[in-house]
Amino acid sequence: MDLANINDQTPVFTRYCRWIYNIFTKWDWGLSPDQAPVGPAIMSRIGASVQLVTGATILGIVLGVSVGVYTAIRQYRWQDRVLNSTATFLLVVPAAVLGLMVVLAAISINHATGVRLFYVTGLHSYQGSDPFMFLLDFLQHLILPTIVMTIPGMVGYHLTQRTYLLDTMNADYVRTARAKGLPLNLAIRRHALRTSLIPTAVDVAFSI
């Protein structure tokens, strides 16, 4: 009965401590409701989780910083307003709702094209030996969760990088460089951008 976690003779706290001990000493996570070992199931999914988190983190940083620089340079223009409004909307959307929106959009695309371009469940479904088809099938399964996990990070880095760059563009040394005749793009690349990336790098380090 202890294995099924329904033994009323053993205190819950004792069972919990025993479970923690077995995890750290034997990698024994216990049994699932269908009496299958949980440990192998976790191990089989760790690789996919690492791939998702790594890919989404890199994409979020690169895209977020790039969009932040783009909107800062075009402050108050229509590009800045559209991208900031979109970012603000995505920032307040709960992750579960965002995931549902992406899944519904993918299903609509599949129906519109008549081809299953995106998969909403599983890690892979191709059973053949062609490496190209295996990679394509893997990407079709990976793209939707990667998008959902990338968006929150991208939005955050976009807004913070835009703020940092705008603050730096108004600094005295940047205005001095502009007064000496340095074009705006060069002043941003040589002075403002480098300085504004320092707090962004700190944010990235703490998020990791």
N, C-alpha and C. Protein backbone atom coordinates (compact mmCIF):
# COMPACT_ATOMS: atom_id res chain seq x y z
N MET A 1 0.82 -1.21 0.00
CA MET A 1 0.00 0.00 0.00
C MET A 1 0.86 1.26 0.00
N ASP A 2 2.07 1.16 0.58
CA ASP A 2 2.97 2.31 0.55
C ASP A 2 3.34 2.66 -0.89
N LEU A 3 3.51 1.63 -1.72
CA LEU A 3 3.88 1.89 -3.11
C LEU A 3 2.79 2.66 -3.83
N ALA A 4 1.56 2.41 -3.49
CA ALA A 4 0.44 3.12 -4.11
C ALA A 4 0.12 4.43 -3.41
N ASN A 5 0.85 4.72 -2.34
CA ASN A 5 0.68 5.97 -1.59
C ASN A 5 -0.72 6.09 -0.98
N ILE A 6 -1.27 4.96 -0.55
CA ILE A 6 -2.61 5.00 0.05
C ILE A 6 -2.62 4.29 1.40
N ASN A 7 -1.45 4.13 2.00
CA ASN A 7 -1.37 3.44 3.29
C ASN A 7 -1.69 4.41 4.41
N ASP A 8 -2.84 4.20 5.05
CA ASP A 8 -3.24 5.12 6.12
C ASP A 8 -2.53 4.81 7.44
N GLN A 9 -1.69 3.78 7.46
CA GLN A 9 -0.94 3.44 8.66
C GLN A 9 0.40 4.18 8.73
N THR A 10 0.87 4.69 7.59
CA THR A 10 2.14 5.42 7.53
C THR A 10 1.84 6.90 7.36
N PRO A 11 2.34 7.76 8.24
CA PRO A 11 2.06 9.20 8.12
C PRO A 11 2.49 9.76 6.76
N VAL A 12 1.75 10.76 6.31
CA VAL A 12 2.04 11.37 5.02
C VAL A 12 3.45 11.94 4.98
N PHE A 13 3.86 12.61 6.06
CA PHE A 13 5.19 13.21 6.09
C PHE A 13 6.28 12.15 5.98
N THR A 14 6.07 11.00 6.63
CA THR A 14 7.04 9.91 6.54
C THR A 14 7.13 9.38 5.12
N ARG A 15 5.99 9.21 4.48
CA ARG A 15 5.99 8.75 3.08
C ARG A 15 6.67 9.75 2.17
N TYR A 16 6.44 11.05 2.45
CA TYR A 16 7.06 12.09 1.63
C TYR A 16 8.58 12.07 1.79
N CYS A 17 9.07 11.96 3.02
CA CYS A 17 10.51 11.90 3.25
C CYS A 17 11.12 10.67 2.59
N ARG A 18 10.42 9.55 2.67
CA ARG A 18 10.90 8.33 2.03
C ARG A 18 10.96 8.50 0.52
N TRP A 19 9.96 9.18 -0.03
CA TRP A 19 9.93 9.42 -1.48
C TRP A 19 11.10 10.30 -1.91
N ILE A 20 11.36 11.38 -1.16
CA ILE A 20 12.49 12.26 -1.47
C ILE A 20 13.81 11.50 -1.36
N TYR A 21 13.94 10.68 -0.33
CA TYR A 21 15.17 9.90 -0.14
C TYR A 21 15.39 8.95 -1.32
N ASN A 22 14.34 8.27 -1.77
CA ASN A 22 14.46 7.35 -2.89
C ASN A 22 14.83 8.07 -4.18
N ILE A 23 14.34 9.29 -4.35
CA ILE A 23 14.69 10.05 -5.56
C ILE A 23 16.18 10.34 -5.60
N PHE A 24 16.73 10.82 -4.50
CA PHE A 24 18.13 11.24 -4.47
C PHE A 24 19.10 10.06 -4.38
N THR A 25 18.67 8.95 -3.86
CA THR A 25 19.59 7.81 -3.69
C THR A 25 19.42 6.74 -4.76
N LYS A 26 18.20 6.59 -5.29
CA LYS A 26 17.95 5.51 -6.25
C LYS A 26 17.33 6.01 -7.56
N TRP A 27 17.08 7.33 -7.66
CA TRP A 27 16.33 7.87 -8.80
C TRP A 27 15.00 7.13 -8.96
N ASP A 28 14.37 6.86 -7.85
CA ASP A 28 13.08 6.17 -7.83
C ASP A 28 12.00 7.19 -7.51
N TRP A 29 11.23 7.57 -8.52
CA TRP A 29 10.16 8.56 -8.35
C TRP A 29 8.83 7.91 -8.00
N GLY A 30 8.83 6.61 -7.82
CA GLY A 30 7.59 5.93 -7.50
C GLY A 30 6.88 5.45 -8.75
N LEU A 31 5.59 5.18 -8.60
CA LEU A 31 4.80 4.63 -9.69
C LEU A 31 3.71 5.61 -10.10
N SER A 32 3.37 5.57 -11.36
CA SER A 32 2.28 6.39 -11.88
C SER A 32 0.95 5.72 -11.56
N PRO A 33 -0.19 6.37 -11.81
CA PRO A 33 -1.49 5.74 -11.53
C PRO A 33 -1.70 4.41 -12.24
N ASP A 34 -1.04 4.21 -13.39
CA ASP A 34 -1.16 2.92 -14.07
C ASP A 34 -0.04 1.96 -13.68
N GLN A 35 0.63 2.26 -12.54
CA GLN A 35 1.66 1.39 -11.96
C GLN A 35 2.92 1.27 -12.82
N ALA A 36 3.19 2.26 -13.65
CA ALA A 36 4.42 2.29 -14.43
C ALA A 36 5.45 3.15 -13.71
N PRO A 37 6.74 2.79 -13.76
CA PRO A 37 7.77 3.60 -13.10
C PRO A 37 7.82 5.02 -13.67
N VAL A 38 7.91 6.01 -12.77
CA VAL A 38 7.91 7.41 -13.21
C VAL A 38 9.30 7.84 -13.67
N GLY A 39 10.35 7.28 -13.06
CA GLY A 39 11.72 7.70 -13.38
C GLY A 39 12.06 7.62 -14.86
N PRO A 40 11.86 6.44 -15.51
CA PRO A 40 12.17 6.36 -16.94
C PRO A 40 11.36 7.34 -17.79
N ALA A 41 10.11 7.59 -17.39
CA ALA A 41 9.29 8.54 -18.14
C ALA A 41 9.87 9.95 -18.05
N ILE A 42 10.39 10.31 -16.87
CA ILE A 42 11.02 11.63 -16.72
C ILE A 42 12.29 11.71 -17.56
N MET A 43 13.12 10.68 -17.51
CA MET A 43 14.37 10.68 -18.27
C MET A 43 14.13 10.82 -19.76
N SER A 44 13.07 10.17 -20.25
CA SER A 44 12.79 10.23 -21.68
C SER A 44 12.33 11.60 -22.13
N ARG A 45 11.91 12.44 -21.18
CA ARG A 45 11.42 13.78 -21.53
C ARG A 45 12.38 14.90 -21.17
N ILE A 46 13.45 14.58 -20.45
CA ILE A 46 14.40 15.63 -20.07
C ILE A 46 15.06 16.22 -21.30
N GLY A 47 15.43 15.37 -22.25
CA GLY A 47 16.10 15.86 -23.46
C GLY A 47 15.24 16.86 -24.22
N ALA A 48 13.96 16.53 -24.38
CA ALA A 48 13.05 17.44 -25.09
C ALA A 48 12.89 18.74 -24.32
N SER A 49 12.82 18.66 -23.00
CA SER A 49 12.67 19.88 -22.19
C SER A 49 13.89 20.78 -22.32
N VAL A 50 15.08 20.18 -22.30
CA VAL A 50 16.32 20.97 -22.44
C VAL A 50 16.37 21.63 -23.81
N GLN A 51 16.00 20.91 -24.84
CA GLN A 51 15.99 21.48 -26.19
C GLN A 51 15.01 22.64 -26.29
N LEU A 52 13.84 22.47 -25.71
CA LEU A 52 12.83 23.54 -25.75
C LEU A 52 13.31 24.78 -25.01
N VAL A 53 13.79 24.59 -23.79
CA VAL A 53 14.21 25.73 -22.97
C VAL A 53 15.40 26.44 -23.60
N THR A 54 16.37 25.67 -24.09
CA THR A 54 17.56 26.27 -24.69
C THR A 54 17.21 27.06 -25.94
N GLY A 55 16.44 26.44 -26.83
CA GLY A 55 16.06 27.13 -28.06
C GLY A 55 15.22 28.35 -27.81
N ALA A 56 14.25 28.24 -26.91
CA ALA A 56 13.37 29.37 -26.61
C ALA A 56 14.13 30.51 -25.94
N THR A 57 15.08 30.18 -25.07
CA THR A 57 15.87 31.22 -24.40
C THR A 57 16.73 31.99 -25.39
N ILE A 58 17.41 31.26 -26.27
CA ILE A 58 18.27 31.92 -27.26
C ILE A 58 17.45 32.78 -28.20
N LEU A 59 16.35 32.23 -28.71
CA LEU A 59 15.49 33.01 -29.61
C LEU A 59 14.90 34.22 -28.91
N GLY A 60 14.47 34.05 -27.66
CA GLY A 60 13.89 35.18 -26.93
C GLY A 60 14.88 36.31 -26.75
N ILE A 61 16.13 35.97 -26.43
CA ILE A 61 17.15 37.00 -26.24
C ILE A 61 17.47 37.71 -27.55
N VAL A 62 17.74 36.93 -28.59
CA VAL A 62 18.15 37.51 -29.88
C VAL A 62 17.03 38.36 -30.47
N LEU A 63 15.83 37.79 -30.55
CA LEU A 63 14.71 38.53 -31.14
C LEU A 63 14.30 39.71 -30.27
N GLY A 64 14.25 39.52 -28.96
CA GLY A 64 13.83 40.60 -28.06
C GLY A 64 14.77 41.79 -28.12
N VAL A 65 16.07 41.54 -28.05
CA VAL A 65 17.05 42.63 -28.11
C VAL A 65 17.00 43.32 -29.47
N SER A 66 16.87 42.53 -30.54
CA SER A 66 16.83 43.12 -31.89
C SER A 66 15.61 44.02 -32.06
N VAL A 67 14.45 43.54 -31.64
CA VAL A 67 13.23 44.35 -31.76
C VAL A 67 13.31 45.57 -30.84
N GLY A 68 13.91 45.41 -29.66
CA GLY A 68 14.06 46.55 -28.76
C GLY A 68 14.91 47.65 -29.36
N VAL A 69 16.00 47.27 -30.00
CA VAL A 69 16.85 48.26 -30.68
C VAL A 69 16.10 48.90 -31.84
N TYR A 70 15.39 48.07 -32.61
CA TYR A 70 14.65 48.58 -33.76
C TYR A 70 13.61 49.61 -33.35
N THR A 71 12.86 49.33 -32.30
CA THR A 71 11.81 50.26 -31.87
C THR A 71 12.38 51.50 -31.19
N ALA A 72 13.50 51.35 -30.49
CA ALA A 72 14.11 52.51 -29.84
C ALA A 72 14.60 53.52 -30.87
N ILE A 73 15.19 53.02 -31.95
CA ILE A 73 15.67 53.92 -33.00
C ILE A 73 14.51 54.63 -33.69
N ARG A 74 13.36 53.98 -33.73
CA ARG A 74 12.18 54.55 -34.40
C ARG A 74 11.13 54.99 -33.37
N GLN A 75 11.57 55.57 -32.30
CA GLN A 75 10.67 55.99 -31.22
C GLN A 75 9.56 56.91 -31.75
N TYR A 76 8.31 56.58 -31.35
CA TYR A 76 7.10 57.33 -31.68
C TYR A 76 6.66 57.18 -33.14
N ARG A 77 7.38 56.41 -33.94
CA ARG A 77 6.92 56.14 -35.30
C ARG A 77 5.90 54.99 -35.25
N TRP A 78 5.27 54.74 -36.41
CA TRP A 78 4.21 53.72 -36.41
C TRP A 78 4.77 52.34 -36.09
N GLN A 79 6.02 52.05 -36.53
CA GLN A 79 6.60 50.74 -36.21
C GLN A 79 6.74 50.56 -34.70
N ASP A 80 7.18 51.64 -34.04
CA ASP A 80 7.35 51.59 -32.59
C ASP A 80 6.01 51.40 -31.90
N ARG A 81 5.01 52.10 -32.34
CA ARG A 81 3.70 52.02 -31.70
C ARG A 81 3.06 50.64 -31.89
N VAL A 82 3.16 50.11 -33.12
CA VAL A 82 2.56 48.80 -33.39
C VAL A 82 3.26 47.71 -32.59
N LEU A 83 4.59 47.70 -32.62
CA LEU A 83 5.33 46.64 -31.92
C LEU A 83 5.18 46.76 -30.40
N ASN A 84 5.15 47.97 -29.88
CA ASN A 84 4.98 48.13 -28.44
C ASN A 84 3.57 47.75 -27.99
N SER A 85 2.58 48.08 -28.81
CA SER A 85 1.21 47.68 -28.47
C SER A 85 1.07 46.17 -28.48
N THR A 86 1.67 45.53 -29.49
CA THR A 86 1.63 44.07 -29.57
C THR A 86 2.35 43.45 -28.38
N ALA A 87 3.51 44.01 -28.03
CA ALA A 87 4.27 43.48 -26.89
C ALA A 87 3.50 43.64 -25.59
N THR A 88 2.85 44.77 -25.42
CA THR A 88 2.06 44.99 -24.19
C THR A 88 0.92 44.00 -24.10
N PHE A 89 0.26 43.73 -25.23
CA PHE A 89 -0.83 42.75 -25.24
C PHE A 89 -0.31 41.36 -24.89
N LEU A 90 0.79 40.95 -25.51
CA LEU A 90 1.33 39.62 -25.26
C LEU A 90 1.85 39.49 -23.83
N LEU A 91 2.27 40.61 -23.25
CA LEU A 91 2.83 40.58 -21.90
C LEU A 91 1.77 40.23 -20.85
N VAL A 92 0.52 40.63 -21.10
CA VAL A 92 -0.54 40.41 -20.12
C VAL A 92 -1.36 39.15 -20.40
N VAL A 93 -1.11 38.51 -21.54
CA VAL A 93 -1.85 37.28 -21.86
C VAL A 93 -1.28 36.12 -21.04
N PRO A 94 -2.09 35.39 -20.29
CA PRO A 94 -1.59 34.23 -19.54
C PRO A 94 -0.98 33.19 -20.47
N ALA A 95 0.01 32.48 -19.97
CA ALA A 95 0.73 31.51 -20.79
C ALA A 95 -0.21 30.44 -21.34
N ALA A 96 -1.17 30.00 -20.53
CA ALA A 96 -2.11 28.97 -21.00
C ALA A 96 -2.97 29.49 -22.15
N VAL A 97 -3.41 30.73 -22.05
CA VAL A 97 -4.22 31.33 -23.12
C VAL A 97 -3.37 31.52 -24.37
N LEU A 98 -2.13 31.97 -24.19
CA LEU A 98 -1.23 32.15 -25.33
C LEU A 98 -0.98 30.83 -26.04
N GLY A 99 -0.75 29.77 -25.26
CA GLY A 99 -0.56 28.46 -25.86
C GLY A 99 -1.78 28.00 -26.63
N LEU A 100 -2.97 28.23 -26.08
CA LEU A 100 -4.20 27.85 -26.77
C LEU A 100 -4.37 28.64 -28.06
N MET A 101 -4.04 29.93 -28.04
CA MET A 101 -4.13 30.75 -29.24
C MET A 101 -3.21 30.23 -30.34
N VAL A 102 -1.98 29.86 -29.96
CA VAL A 102 -1.02 29.35 -30.94
C VAL A 102 -1.49 28.01 -31.50
N VAL A 103 -2.02 27.15 -30.64
CA VAL A 103 -2.51 25.85 -31.10
C VAL A 103 -3.68 26.02 -32.06
N LEU A 104 -4.63 26.89 -31.72
CA LEU A 104 -5.78 27.12 -32.60
C LEU A 104 -5.34 27.71 -33.94
N ALA A 105 -4.35 28.61 -33.91
CA ALA A 105 -3.84 29.18 -35.16
C ALA A 105 -3.18 28.10 -36.01
N ALA A 106 -2.42 27.21 -35.37
CA ALA A 106 -1.76 26.13 -36.11
C ALA A 106 -2.78 25.17 -36.71
N ILE A 107 -3.82 24.84 -35.96
CA ILE A 107 -4.87 23.96 -36.49
C ILE A 107 -5.57 24.61 -37.67
N SER A 108 -5.82 25.91 -37.58
CA SER A 108 -6.45 26.63 -38.69
C SER A 108 -5.58 26.60 -39.93
N ILE A 109 -4.26 26.76 -39.75
CA ILE A 109 -3.34 26.71 -40.88
C ILE A 109 -3.33 25.31 -41.49
N ASN A 110 -3.33 24.29 -40.65
CA ASN A 110 -3.37 22.91 -41.16
C ASN A 110 -4.62 22.67 -41.99
N HIS A 111 -5.77 23.15 -41.50
CA HIS A 111 -7.02 22.96 -42.23
C HIS A 111 -7.02 23.77 -43.52
N ALA A 112 -6.49 24.99 -43.48
CA ALA A 112 -6.51 25.85 -44.67
C ALA A 112 -5.62 25.30 -45.78
N THR A 113 -4.47 24.74 -45.40
CA THR A 113 -3.54 24.22 -46.41
C THR A 113 -3.85 22.79 -46.81
N GLY A 114 -4.61 22.08 -45.97
CA GLY A 114 -4.87 20.68 -46.25
C GLY A 114 -3.69 19.78 -45.97
N VAL A 115 -2.66 20.33 -45.35
CA VAL A 115 -1.45 19.57 -45.02
C VAL A 115 -1.17 19.74 -43.53
N ARG A 116 -0.74 18.69 -42.90
CA ARG A 116 -0.43 18.78 -41.47
C ARG A 116 0.97 19.36 -41.30
N LEU A 117 1.03 20.68 -41.28
CA LEU A 117 2.32 21.36 -41.14
C LEU A 117 2.80 21.39 -39.70
N PHE A 118 1.87 21.47 -38.75
CA PHE A 118 2.22 21.58 -37.34
C PHE A 118 1.56 20.46 -36.55
N TYR A 119 2.29 19.95 -35.56
CA TYR A 119 1.75 18.96 -34.63
C TYR A 119 1.60 19.61 -33.27
N VAL A 120 0.50 19.35 -32.61
CA VAL A 120 0.23 20.00 -31.33
C VAL A 120 0.53 19.09 -30.14
N THR A 121 0.85 17.83 -30.38
CA THR A 121 1.19 16.91 -29.29
C THR A 121 2.36 16.04 -29.72
N GLY A 122 3.03 15.46 -28.74
CA GLY A 122 4.09 14.51 -29.01
C GLY A 122 5.42 15.15 -29.36
N LEU A 123 6.44 14.28 -29.44
CA LEU A 123 7.79 14.72 -29.78
C LEU A 123 8.17 14.34 -31.20
N HIS A 124 7.70 13.21 -31.67
CA HIS A 124 7.94 12.79 -33.05
C HIS A 124 6.93 11.72 -33.41
N SER A 125 6.69 11.59 -34.71
CA SER A 125 5.75 10.57 -35.17
C SER A 125 6.28 9.80 -36.37
N TYR A 126 7.39 10.24 -36.96
CA TYR A 126 7.95 9.56 -38.13
C TYR A 126 8.65 8.28 -37.69
N GLN A 127 8.34 7.19 -38.36
CA GLN A 127 8.88 5.89 -37.99
C GLN A 127 9.88 5.34 -39.01
N GLY A 128 10.16 6.10 -40.07
CA GLY A 128 11.07 5.63 -41.10
C GLY A 128 12.53 5.83 -40.73
N SER A 129 13.41 5.62 -41.73
CA SER A 129 14.85 5.71 -41.51
C SER A 129 15.48 6.90 -42.22
N ASP A 130 14.70 7.70 -42.93
CA ASP A 130 15.23 8.86 -43.64
C ASP A 130 15.58 9.96 -42.63
N PRO A 131 16.86 10.35 -42.51
CA PRO A 131 17.23 11.36 -41.50
C PRO A 131 16.60 12.73 -41.78
N PHE A 132 16.45 13.08 -43.06
CA PHE A 132 15.84 14.37 -43.38
C PHE A 132 14.38 14.41 -42.94
N MET A 133 13.64 13.34 -43.21
CA MET A 133 12.24 13.29 -42.81
C MET A 133 12.11 13.25 -41.29
N PHE A 134 13.05 12.57 -40.63
CA PHE A 134 13.03 12.54 -39.16
C PHE A 134 13.24 13.94 -38.59
N LEU A 135 14.20 14.69 -39.18
CA LEU A 135 14.46 16.05 -38.72
C LEU A 135 13.27 16.96 -38.99
N LEU A 136 12.67 16.82 -40.17
CA LEU A 136 11.50 17.63 -40.51
C LEU A 136 10.34 17.34 -39.57
N ASP A 137 10.12 16.08 -39.28
CA ASP A 137 9.05 15.70 -38.35
C ASP A 137 9.33 16.24 -36.95
N PHE A 138 10.59 16.19 -36.54
CA PHE A 138 10.96 16.72 -35.22
C PHE A 138 10.70 18.22 -35.14
N LEU A 139 11.05 18.96 -36.19
CA LEU A 139 10.82 20.41 -36.21
C LEU A 139 9.33 20.74 -36.22
N GLN A 140 8.54 19.93 -36.93
CA GLN A 140 7.10 20.16 -36.96
C GLN A 140 6.48 20.00 -35.57
N HIS A 141 7.03 19.12 -34.76
CA HIS A 141 6.54 18.95 -33.39
C HIS A 141 7.10 20.02 -32.46
N LEU A 142 8.30 20.51 -32.77
CA LEU A 142 9.00 21.42 -31.86
C LEU A 142 8.57 22.87 -32.00
N ILE A 143 8.12 23.26 -33.19
CA ILE A 143 7.94 24.68 -33.47
C ILE A 143 6.88 25.35 -32.61
N LEU A 144 5.75 24.69 -32.37
CA LEU A 144 4.68 25.33 -31.58
C LEU A 144 5.08 25.58 -30.13
N PRO A 145 5.57 24.58 -29.39
CA PRO A 145 5.99 24.89 -28.02
C PRO A 145 7.14 25.88 -27.95
N THR A 146 8.01 25.87 -28.97
CA THR A 146 9.11 26.84 -28.99
C THR A 146 8.57 28.26 -29.13
N ILE A 147 7.58 28.44 -29.99
CA ILE A 147 6.97 29.76 -30.17
C ILE A 147 6.35 30.24 -28.86
N VAL A 148 5.60 29.36 -28.22
CA VAL A 148 4.91 29.74 -26.98
C VAL A 148 5.91 30.10 -25.88
N MET A 149 7.01 29.36 -25.79
CA MET A 149 8.00 29.64 -24.76
C MET A 149 8.89 30.82 -25.11
N THR A 150 9.02 31.14 -26.40
CA THR A 150 9.87 32.25 -26.82
C THR A 150 9.21 33.60 -26.59
N ILE A 151 7.91 33.67 -26.83
CA ILE A 151 7.20 34.96 -26.82
C ILE A 151 7.35 35.72 -25.50
N PRO A 152 7.11 35.11 -24.33
CA PRO A 152 7.25 35.90 -23.09
C PRO A 152 8.63 36.49 -22.90
N GLY A 153 9.67 35.69 -23.14
CA GLY A 153 11.03 36.20 -23.00
C GLY A 153 11.34 37.28 -24.02
N MET A 154 10.91 37.07 -25.26
CA MET A 154 11.16 38.06 -26.31
C MET A 154 10.50 39.39 -25.97
N VAL A 155 9.27 39.35 -25.49
CA VAL A 155 8.56 40.58 -25.14
C VAL A 155 9.27 41.30 -24.00
N GLY A 156 9.71 40.56 -23.00
CA GLY A 156 10.41 41.18 -21.87
C GLY A 156 11.70 41.84 -22.29
N TYR A 157 12.52 41.13 -23.08
CA TYR A 157 13.79 41.71 -23.53
C TYR A 157 13.56 42.87 -24.50
N HIS A 158 12.52 42.79 -25.30
CA HIS A 158 12.19 43.89 -26.21
C HIS A 158 11.94 45.17 -25.43
N LEU A 159 11.07 45.11 -24.44
CA LEU A 159 10.69 46.31 -23.70
C LEU A 159 11.86 46.85 -22.86
N THR A 160 12.61 45.96 -22.22
CA THR A 160 13.72 46.43 -21.40
C THR A 160 14.86 46.99 -22.25
N GLN A 161 15.18 46.31 -23.37
CA GLN A 161 16.25 46.81 -24.23
C GLN A 161 15.87 48.15 -24.85
N ARG A 162 14.63 48.33 -25.21
CA ARG A 162 14.17 49.62 -25.74
C ARG A 162 14.36 50.72 -24.70
N THR A 163 13.99 50.43 -23.46
CA THR A 163 14.14 51.43 -22.39
C THR A 163 15.60 51.76 -22.14
N TYR A 164 16.45 50.73 -22.06
CA TYR A 164 17.88 50.96 -21.82
C TYR A 164 18.51 51.78 -22.94
N LEU A 165 18.16 51.45 -24.18
CA LEU A 165 18.77 52.16 -25.31
C LEU A 165 18.29 53.60 -25.38
N LEU A 166 17.02 53.84 -25.12
CA LEU A 166 16.51 55.22 -25.12
C LEU A 166 17.18 56.05 -24.04
N ASP A 167 17.39 55.47 -22.86
CA ASP A 167 18.09 56.19 -21.80
C ASP A 167 19.52 56.52 -22.21
N THR A 168 20.18 55.57 -22.87
CA THR A 168 21.57 55.78 -23.27
C THR A 168 21.67 56.78 -24.41
N MET A 169 20.70 56.78 -25.32
CA MET A 169 20.74 57.71 -26.45
C MET A 169 20.65 59.16 -25.99
N ASN A 170 20.09 59.39 -24.82
CA ASN A 170 19.97 60.75 -24.30
C ASN A 170 21.13 61.13 -23.38
N ALA A 171 22.12 60.23 -23.25
CA ALA A 171 23.27 60.53 -22.40
C ALA A 171 24.13 61.62 -23.02
N ASP A 172 24.91 62.29 -22.17
CA ASP A 172 25.72 63.43 -22.63
C ASP A 172 26.76 63.01 -23.66
N TYR A 173 27.41 61.86 -23.46
CA TYR A 173 28.48 61.47 -24.38
C TYR A 173 27.93 61.12 -25.77
N VAL A 174 26.70 60.63 -25.83
CA VAL A 174 26.09 60.35 -27.14
C VAL A 174 25.72 61.65 -27.83
N ARG A 175 25.16 62.58 -27.10
CA ARG A 175 24.81 63.87 -27.68
C ARG A 175 26.07 64.65 -28.10
N THR A 176 27.16 64.47 -27.35
CA THR A 176 28.42 65.11 -27.74
C THR A 176 28.93 64.53 -29.05
N ALA A 177 28.84 63.20 -29.18
CA ALA A 177 29.27 62.56 -30.43
C ALA A 177 28.42 63.03 -31.60
N ARG A 178 27.13 63.20 -31.38
CA ARG A 178 26.25 63.71 -32.44
C ARG A 178 26.60 65.16 -32.77
N ALA A 179 26.93 65.96 -31.76
CA ALA A 179 27.28 67.36 -32.01
C ALA A 179 28.57 67.50 -32.79
N LYS A 180 29.46 66.50 -32.67
CA LYS A 180 30.72 66.53 -33.41
C LYS A 180 30.55 66.06 -34.85
N GLY A 181 29.33 65.69 -35.22
CA GLY A 181 29.06 65.31 -36.60
C GLY A 181 28.93 63.83 -36.86
N LEU A 182 28.97 63.01 -35.80
CA LEU A 182 28.83 61.57 -36.00
C LEU A 182 27.39 61.24 -36.35
N PRO A 183 27.15 60.51 -37.45
CA PRO A 183 25.77 60.16 -37.82
C PRO A 183 25.07 59.38 -36.71
N LEU A 184 23.74 59.47 -36.70
CA LEU A 184 22.96 58.84 -35.64
C LEU A 184 23.22 57.34 -35.55
N ASN A 185 23.21 56.66 -36.71
CA ASN A 185 23.41 55.21 -36.69
C ASN A 185 24.76 54.83 -36.09
N LEU A 186 25.81 55.57 -36.46
CA LEU A 186 27.13 55.28 -35.91
C LEU A 186 27.20 55.61 -34.42
N ALA A 187 26.56 56.70 -34.02
CA ALA A 187 26.55 57.06 -32.60
C ALA A 187 25.85 55.98 -31.77
N ILE A 188 24.80 55.42 -32.33
CA ILE A 188 24.08 54.36 -31.62
C ILE A 188 24.92 53.09 -31.54
N ARG A 189 25.51 52.69 -32.67
CA ARG A 189 26.29 51.45 -32.70
C ARG A 189 27.55 51.55 -31.85
N ARG A 190 28.27 52.65 -31.95
CA ARG A 190 29.56 52.77 -31.27
C ARG A 190 29.44 53.11 -29.79
N HIS A 191 28.41 53.80 -29.41
CA HIS A 191 28.32 54.30 -28.04
C HIS A 191 27.07 53.80 -27.31
N ALA A 192 25.90 54.18 -27.81
CA ALA A 192 24.67 53.90 -27.06
C ALA A 192 24.38 52.41 -26.95
N LEU A 193 24.51 51.68 -28.06
CA LEU A 193 24.13 50.26 -28.06
C LEU A 193 25.02 49.45 -27.13
N ARG A 194 26.31 49.69 -27.19
CA ARG A 194 27.23 48.92 -26.34
C ARG A 194 26.92 49.13 -24.86
N THR A 195 26.67 50.37 -24.50
CA THR A 195 26.38 50.66 -23.09
C THR A 195 25.04 50.06 -22.67
N SER A 196 24.05 50.14 -23.54
CA SER A 196 22.71 49.65 -23.19
C SER A 196 22.66 48.13 -23.09
N LEU A 197 23.61 47.44 -23.73
CA LEU A 197 23.61 45.98 -23.67
C LEU A 197 24.12 45.45 -22.33
N ILE A 198 24.81 46.29 -21.56
CA ILE A 198 25.35 45.83 -20.28
C ILE A 198 24.24 45.44 -19.31
N PRO A 199 23.24 46.30 -19.03
CA PRO A 199 22.15 45.85 -18.13
C PRO A 199 21.34 44.71 -18.71
N THR A 200 21.24 44.65 -20.05
CA THR A 200 20.53 43.52 -20.66
C THR A 200 21.28 42.22 -20.40
N ALA A 201 22.61 42.26 -20.51
CA ALA A 201 23.41 41.07 -20.23
C ALA A 201 23.24 40.63 -18.78
N VAL A 202 23.14 41.60 -17.88
CA VAL A 202 22.90 41.26 -16.46
C VAL A 202 21.53 40.58 -16.30
N ASP A 203 20.52 41.12 -16.99
CA ASP A 203 19.19 40.50 -16.93
C ASP A 203 19.22 39.07 -17.44
N VAL A 204 19.95 38.86 -18.55
CA VAL A 204 20.06 37.52 -19.12
C VAL A 204 20.74 36.58 -18.13
N ALA A 205 21.82 37.05 -17.51
CA ALA A 205 22.56 36.21 -16.56
C ALA A 205 21.68 35.80 -15.38
N PHE A 206 20.90 36.73 -14.86
CA PHE A 206 20.04 36.42 -13.72
C PHE A 206 18.88 35.50 -14.12
N SER A 207 18.40 35.65 -15.36
CA SER A 207 17.29 34.80 -15.80
C SER A 207 17.73 33.36 -16.00
N ILE A 208 19.00 33.18 -16.35
CA ILE A 208 19.52 31.82 -16.54
C ILE A 208 19.76 31.16 -15.18
